[in-house]
Amino acid sequence: MSDETKRDVFTDAVDALADAQASGGNVGHQDANLFMAEYDTALSDDLPVIPKAVGDVIVKLKHKKFSLSGAMSYAAVVSLSPWMTFEHEDTFALAWVLGVWRVEETGEIVKLEAEK
């Protein structure tokens, strides 16, 4: 899986079509199949957006094998109480479950490595 979102793949496909039309060529089925394969593996456009500090806590607690409820309790009580309010609980949980999110401050996409 790459760091490309579905929108990135769509934009690449539109650009390739425009380039092909401008040069008098075309985009064939093989090209379309490649774009569809990339689209299938691309990340969702609506990834949860969380502050870097929250992401750091998720990484730390996942590594320590915390449960989601334990992680939410820890985050709310110990280290992230200003951010970890009712309105952000769903965002925290979604980032936890997906294991991928966008960093609020930088726009960077963070993906947790799968357990082996």
N, C-alpha and C. Protein backbone atom coordinates (compact mmCIF):
# COMPACT_ATOMS: atom_id res chain seq x y z
N MET A 1 0.84 -1.17 0.00
CA MET A 1 0.00 0.00 0.00
C MET A 1 0.89 1.23 0.00
N SER A 2 0.55 2.19 -0.81
CA SER A 2 1.33 3.41 -0.87
C SER A 2 0.67 4.49 -0.03
N ASP A 3 1.22 5.68 -0.06
CA ASP A 3 0.62 6.81 0.64
C ASP A 3 -0.33 7.58 -0.25
N GLU A 4 -0.61 7.06 -1.44
CA GLU A 4 -1.53 7.73 -2.35
C GLU A 4 -2.96 7.55 -1.88
N THR A 5 -3.73 8.63 -1.99
CA THR A 5 -5.15 8.53 -1.72
C THR A 5 -5.89 8.26 -3.03
N LYS A 6 -7.13 7.92 -2.92
CA LYS A 6 -7.94 7.66 -4.11
C LYS A 6 -8.00 8.90 -5.00
N ARG A 7 -8.07 10.07 -4.38
CA ARG A 7 -8.08 11.31 -5.16
C ARG A 7 -6.77 11.49 -5.94
N ASP A 8 -5.63 11.13 -5.34
CA ASP A 8 -4.34 11.22 -6.03
C ASP A 8 -4.35 10.35 -7.29
N VAL A 9 -4.88 9.12 -7.17
CA VAL A 9 -4.93 8.20 -8.31
C VAL A 9 -5.86 8.76 -9.37
N PHE A 10 -6.99 9.29 -8.97
CA PHE A 10 -7.94 9.87 -9.92
C PHE A 10 -7.31 11.05 -10.67
N THR A 11 -6.61 11.91 -9.92
CA THR A 11 -5.93 13.05 -10.54
C THR A 11 -4.89 12.58 -11.54
N ASP A 12 -4.12 11.55 -11.20
CA ASP A 12 -3.12 11.00 -12.14
C ASP A 12 -3.78 10.48 -13.40
N ALA A 13 -4.93 9.81 -13.25
CA ALA A 13 -5.63 9.26 -14.41
C ALA A 13 -6.15 10.38 -15.31
N VAL A 14 -6.70 11.43 -14.73
CA VAL A 14 -7.20 12.56 -15.51
C VAL A 14 -6.04 13.25 -16.23
N ASP A 15 -4.92 13.42 -15.54
CA ASP A 15 -3.74 14.03 -16.17
C ASP A 15 -3.23 13.18 -17.33
N ALA A 16 -3.21 11.86 -17.16
CA ALA A 16 -2.75 10.98 -18.23
C ALA A 16 -3.69 11.07 -19.44
N LEU A 17 -4.97 11.14 -19.18
CA LEU A 17 -5.94 11.27 -20.28
C LEU A 17 -5.76 12.59 -21.01
N ALA A 18 -5.58 13.67 -20.25
CA ALA A 18 -5.38 14.98 -20.87
C ALA A 18 -4.09 15.01 -21.69
N ASP A 19 -3.02 14.42 -21.16
CA ASP A 19 -1.75 14.36 -21.90
C ASP A 19 -1.90 13.55 -23.18
N ALA A 20 -2.60 12.43 -23.09
CA ALA A 20 -2.80 11.58 -24.26
C ALA A 20 -3.61 12.31 -25.33
N GLN A 21 -4.65 13.00 -24.91
CA GLN A 21 -5.47 13.74 -25.88
C GLN A 21 -4.68 14.88 -26.50
N ALA A 22 -3.86 15.57 -25.71
CA ALA A 22 -3.07 16.69 -26.22
C ALA A 22 -2.04 16.23 -27.23
N SER A 23 -1.54 15.00 -27.07
CA SER A 23 -0.51 14.51 -27.99
C SER A 23 -1.10 13.68 -29.12
N GLY A 24 -2.41 13.62 -29.19
CA GLY A 24 -3.06 12.87 -30.26
C GLY A 24 -3.14 11.37 -30.00
N GLY A 25 -2.76 10.95 -28.81
CA GLY A 25 -2.83 9.53 -28.47
C GLY A 25 -4.12 9.23 -27.71
N ASN A 26 -4.13 8.09 -27.07
CA ASN A 26 -5.29 7.75 -26.26
C ASN A 26 -4.86 6.90 -25.06
N VAL A 27 -5.77 6.76 -24.14
CA VAL A 27 -5.55 5.91 -22.98
C VAL A 27 -6.38 4.66 -23.21
N GLY A 28 -5.72 3.50 -23.26
CA GLY A 28 -6.41 2.26 -23.56
C GLY A 28 -6.85 1.49 -22.33
N HIS A 29 -7.40 0.31 -22.58
CA HIS A 29 -7.89 -0.53 -21.49
C HIS A 29 -6.78 -0.94 -20.54
N GLN A 30 -5.59 -1.19 -21.08
CA GLN A 30 -4.48 -1.58 -20.21
C GLN A 30 -4.16 -0.47 -19.22
N ASP A 31 -4.13 0.78 -19.71
CA ASP A 31 -3.88 1.92 -18.83
C ASP A 31 -5.00 2.05 -17.80
N ALA A 32 -6.22 1.90 -18.24
CA ALA A 32 -7.37 2.01 -17.33
C ALA A 32 -7.29 0.93 -16.25
N ASN A 33 -6.91 -0.28 -16.64
CA ASN A 33 -6.78 -1.37 -15.67
C ASN A 33 -5.70 -1.08 -14.63
N LEU A 34 -4.59 -0.47 -15.07
CA LEU A 34 -3.53 -0.09 -14.13
C LEU A 34 -4.03 0.96 -13.13
N PHE A 35 -4.74 1.96 -13.65
CA PHE A 35 -5.28 2.98 -12.76
C PHE A 35 -6.30 2.39 -11.79
N MET A 36 -7.11 1.46 -12.25
CA MET A 36 -8.11 0.84 -11.37
C MET A 36 -7.42 0.01 -10.29
N ALA A 37 -6.35 -0.67 -10.63
CA ALA A 37 -5.62 -1.45 -9.63
C ALA A 37 -5.01 -0.53 -8.58
N GLU A 38 -4.45 0.60 -9.03
CA GLU A 38 -3.90 1.58 -8.08
C GLU A 38 -5.01 2.16 -7.21
N TYR A 39 -6.15 2.44 -7.82
CA TYR A 39 -7.28 3.00 -7.08
C TYR A 39 -7.75 2.05 -5.99
N ASP A 40 -7.80 0.76 -6.33
CA ASP A 40 -8.25 -0.25 -5.36
C ASP A 40 -7.37 -0.31 -4.13
N THR A 41 -6.08 -0.08 -4.29
CA THR A 41 -5.15 -0.18 -3.15
C THR A 41 -4.86 1.17 -2.49
N ALA A 42 -5.37 2.25 -3.08
CA ALA A 42 -5.11 3.59 -2.53
C ALA A 42 -5.87 3.79 -1.23
N LEU A 43 -5.35 4.70 -0.43
CA LEU A 43 -5.98 5.05 0.84
C LEU A 43 -7.23 5.89 0.61
N SER A 44 -8.12 5.82 1.55
CA SER A 44 -9.34 6.63 1.51
C SER A 44 -8.99 8.11 1.54
N ASP A 45 -9.83 8.92 0.93
CA ASP A 45 -9.61 10.37 0.95
C ASP A 45 -9.97 11.00 2.29
N ASP A 46 -10.81 10.32 3.05
CA ASP A 46 -11.29 10.91 4.31
C ASP A 46 -10.65 10.26 5.54
N LEU A 47 -9.33 10.19 5.52
CA LEU A 47 -8.60 9.66 6.66
C LEU A 47 -8.83 10.54 7.89
N PRO A 48 -8.81 9.95 9.08
CA PRO A 48 -8.92 10.78 10.27
C PRO A 48 -7.72 11.73 10.35
N VAL A 49 -7.98 12.93 10.80
CA VAL A 49 -6.93 13.94 10.96
C VAL A 49 -6.75 14.17 12.46
N ILE A 50 -5.53 13.90 12.93
CA ILE A 50 -5.25 14.02 14.36
C ILE A 50 -3.94 14.76 14.59
N PRO A 51 -3.81 15.42 15.74
CA PRO A 51 -2.53 16.08 16.05
C PRO A 51 -1.39 15.07 16.18
N LYS A 52 -0.19 15.51 15.92
CA LYS A 52 0.97 14.63 15.98
C LYS A 52 1.09 13.97 17.35
N ALA A 53 0.84 14.71 18.42
CA ALA A 53 0.95 14.14 19.76
C ALA A 53 -0.02 12.98 19.96
N VAL A 54 -1.21 13.09 19.39
CA VAL A 54 -2.19 12.02 19.50
C VAL A 54 -1.70 10.79 18.73
N GLY A 55 -1.18 11.01 17.54
CA GLY A 55 -0.62 9.91 16.76
C GLY A 55 0.53 9.22 17.48
N ASP A 56 1.37 10.01 18.12
CA ASP A 56 2.49 9.43 18.88
C ASP A 56 1.98 8.52 20.00
N VAL A 57 0.90 8.94 20.65
CA VAL A 57 0.32 8.12 21.71
C VAL A 57 -0.27 6.84 21.13
N ILE A 58 -0.94 6.94 20.00
CA ILE A 58 -1.50 5.74 19.37
C ILE A 58 -0.39 4.75 19.05
N VAL A 59 0.69 5.23 18.45
CA VAL A 59 1.81 4.34 18.12
C VAL A 59 2.34 3.67 19.38
N LYS A 60 2.55 4.45 20.43
CA LYS A 60 3.09 3.92 21.69
C LYS A 60 2.17 2.87 22.30
N LEU A 61 0.88 3.17 22.37
CA LEU A 61 -0.07 2.26 23.03
C LEU A 61 -0.35 1.02 22.19
N LYS A 62 -0.35 1.16 20.86
CA LYS A 62 -0.50 -0.03 20.00
C LYS A 62 0.68 -0.97 20.22
N HIS A 63 1.87 -0.39 20.30
CA HIS A 63 3.07 -1.19 20.52
C HIS A 63 3.00 -1.94 21.85
N LYS A 64 2.39 -1.30 22.86
CA LYS A 64 2.24 -1.92 24.17
C LYS A 64 1.01 -2.82 24.26
N LYS A 65 0.32 -2.99 23.12
CA LYS A 65 -0.84 -3.90 23.02
C LYS A 65 -2.03 -3.47 23.88
N PHE A 66 -2.23 -2.16 24.03
CA PHE A 66 -3.41 -1.65 24.72
C PHE A 66 -4.66 -1.99 23.91
N SER A 67 -5.79 -2.12 24.56
CA SER A 67 -7.07 -2.24 23.86
C SER A 67 -7.51 -0.83 23.48
N LEU A 68 -8.49 -0.73 22.60
CA LEU A 68 -9.01 0.58 22.21
C LEU A 68 -9.57 1.30 23.43
N SER A 69 -10.36 0.63 24.23
CA SER A 69 -10.95 1.30 25.40
C SER A 69 -9.86 1.74 26.39
N GLY A 70 -8.85 0.91 26.58
CA GLY A 70 -7.74 1.28 27.45
C GLY A 70 -6.99 2.48 26.90
N ALA A 71 -6.78 2.49 25.60
CA ALA A 71 -6.07 3.60 24.97
C ALA A 71 -6.86 4.90 25.08
N MET A 72 -8.18 4.81 24.88
CA MET A 72 -9.01 6.01 24.98
C MET A 72 -9.01 6.55 26.41
N SER A 73 -9.07 5.66 27.38
CA SER A 73 -9.02 6.08 28.79
C SER A 73 -7.68 6.73 29.10
N TYR A 74 -6.61 6.10 28.66
CA TYR A 74 -5.27 6.64 28.88
C TYR A 74 -5.15 8.02 28.25
N ALA A 75 -5.57 8.12 26.99
CA ALA A 75 -5.44 9.38 26.27
C ALA A 75 -6.27 10.48 26.93
N ALA A 76 -7.46 10.14 27.40
CA ALA A 76 -8.34 11.15 28.00
C ALA A 76 -7.84 11.60 29.36
N VAL A 77 -7.30 10.69 30.13
CA VAL A 77 -6.95 11.01 31.51
C VAL A 77 -5.50 11.47 31.66
N VAL A 78 -4.61 10.81 30.99
CA VAL A 78 -3.19 11.02 31.27
C VAL A 78 -2.53 12.09 30.42
N SER A 79 -2.63 11.95 29.10
CA SER A 79 -1.73 12.79 28.30
C SER A 79 -2.40 13.71 27.30
N LEU A 80 -3.63 13.46 26.92
CA LEU A 80 -4.21 14.24 25.83
C LEU A 80 -5.53 14.90 26.21
N SER A 81 -5.74 15.13 27.48
CA SER A 81 -7.03 15.62 27.94
C SER A 81 -7.54 16.86 27.22
N PRO A 82 -6.70 17.82 26.81
CA PRO A 82 -7.27 18.98 26.08
C PRO A 82 -7.88 18.59 24.72
N TRP A 83 -7.29 17.66 24.03
CA TRP A 83 -7.80 17.26 22.71
C TRP A 83 -8.84 16.16 22.82
N MET A 84 -8.64 15.25 23.75
CA MET A 84 -9.46 14.04 23.85
C MET A 84 -10.78 14.35 24.53
N THR A 85 -11.62 15.10 23.85
CA THR A 85 -12.95 15.42 24.34
C THR A 85 -13.96 14.57 23.58
N PHE A 86 -15.20 14.69 23.97
CA PHE A 86 -16.28 13.92 23.34
C PHE A 86 -16.27 14.07 21.82
N GLU A 87 -16.00 15.27 21.33
CA GLU A 87 -16.06 15.49 19.89
C GLU A 87 -14.92 14.82 19.12
N HIS A 88 -13.85 14.41 19.80
CA HIS A 88 -12.72 13.77 19.12
C HIS A 88 -12.62 12.27 19.36
N GLU A 89 -13.50 11.73 20.20
CA GLU A 89 -13.41 10.29 20.51
C GLU A 89 -13.55 9.42 19.27
N ASP A 90 -14.48 9.74 18.40
CA ASP A 90 -14.68 8.95 17.18
C ASP A 90 -13.46 9.03 16.27
N THR A 91 -12.85 10.20 16.18
CA THR A 91 -11.66 10.37 15.34
C THR A 91 -10.50 9.54 15.89
N PHE A 92 -10.33 9.58 17.21
CA PHE A 92 -9.29 8.77 17.85
C PHE A 92 -9.53 7.29 17.56
N ALA A 93 -10.77 6.84 17.77
CA ALA A 93 -11.11 5.43 17.57
C ALA A 93 -10.90 5.01 16.12
N LEU A 94 -11.28 5.86 15.18
CA LEU A 94 -11.11 5.53 13.77
C LEU A 94 -9.63 5.41 13.41
N ALA A 95 -8.82 6.34 13.88
CA ALA A 95 -7.38 6.28 13.63
C ALA A 95 -6.80 5.01 14.25
N TRP A 96 -7.26 4.65 15.44
CA TRP A 96 -6.79 3.45 16.12
C TRP A 96 -7.12 2.20 15.30
N VAL A 97 -8.36 2.09 14.88
CA VAL A 97 -8.82 0.89 14.17
C VAL A 97 -8.20 0.79 12.79
N LEU A 98 -8.16 1.89 12.06
CA LEU A 98 -7.60 1.86 10.70
C LEU A 98 -6.08 1.70 10.72
N GLY A 99 -5.43 2.26 11.74
CA GLY A 99 -3.98 2.23 11.79
C GLY A 99 -3.35 3.17 10.78
N VAL A 100 -4.12 4.15 10.33
CA VAL A 100 -3.61 5.14 9.38
C VAL A 100 -4.36 6.45 9.62
N TRP A 101 -3.62 7.57 9.53
CA TRP A 101 -4.23 8.88 9.74
C TRP A 101 -3.38 9.94 9.09
N ARG A 102 -3.95 11.15 9.02
CA ARG A 102 -3.22 12.30 8.50
C ARG A 102 -2.87 13.20 9.70
N VAL A 103 -1.61 13.64 9.75
CA VAL A 103 -1.15 14.50 10.84
C VAL A 103 -1.68 15.92 10.60
N GLU A 104 -2.36 16.43 11.60
CA GLU A 104 -3.02 17.73 11.50
C GLU A 104 -2.05 18.85 11.13
N GLU A 105 -0.90 18.87 11.76
CA GLU A 105 0.04 19.98 11.57
C GLU A 105 0.76 19.96 10.22
N THR A 106 1.00 18.78 9.66
CA THR A 106 1.83 18.68 8.46
C THR A 106 1.13 18.10 7.24
N GLY A 107 0.00 17.41 7.44
CA GLY A 107 -0.67 16.74 6.33
C GLY A 107 -0.06 15.40 5.98
N GLU A 108 1.02 15.03 6.67
CA GLU A 108 1.69 13.75 6.43
C GLU A 108 0.74 12.59 6.76
N ILE A 109 0.83 11.52 5.98
CA ILE A 109 0.06 10.32 6.26
C ILE A 109 0.94 9.36 7.04
N VAL A 110 0.41 8.87 8.17
CA VAL A 110 1.13 7.90 9.01
C VAL A 110 0.38 6.59 8.94
N LYS A 111 1.14 5.52 8.68
CA LYS A 111 0.57 4.18 8.64
C LYS A 111 1.33 3.31 9.62
N LEU A 112 0.60 2.62 10.47
CA LEU A 112 1.24 1.67 11.39
C LEU A 112 1.62 0.42 10.63
N GLU A 113 2.73 -0.15 10.98
CA GLU A 113 3.14 -1.41 10.37
C GLU A 113 2.27 -2.54 10.91
N ALA A 114 1.94 -3.49 10.07
CA ALA A 114 1.14 -4.63 10.50
C ALA A 114 1.96 -5.51 11.42
N GLU A 115 1.30 -6.07 12.41
CA GLU A 115 1.96 -7.01 13.33
C GLU A 115 2.34 -8.27 12.57
N LYS A 116 3.48 -8.84 12.90
CA LYS A 116 3.93 -10.05 12.21
C LYS A 116 3.84 -11.23 13.13
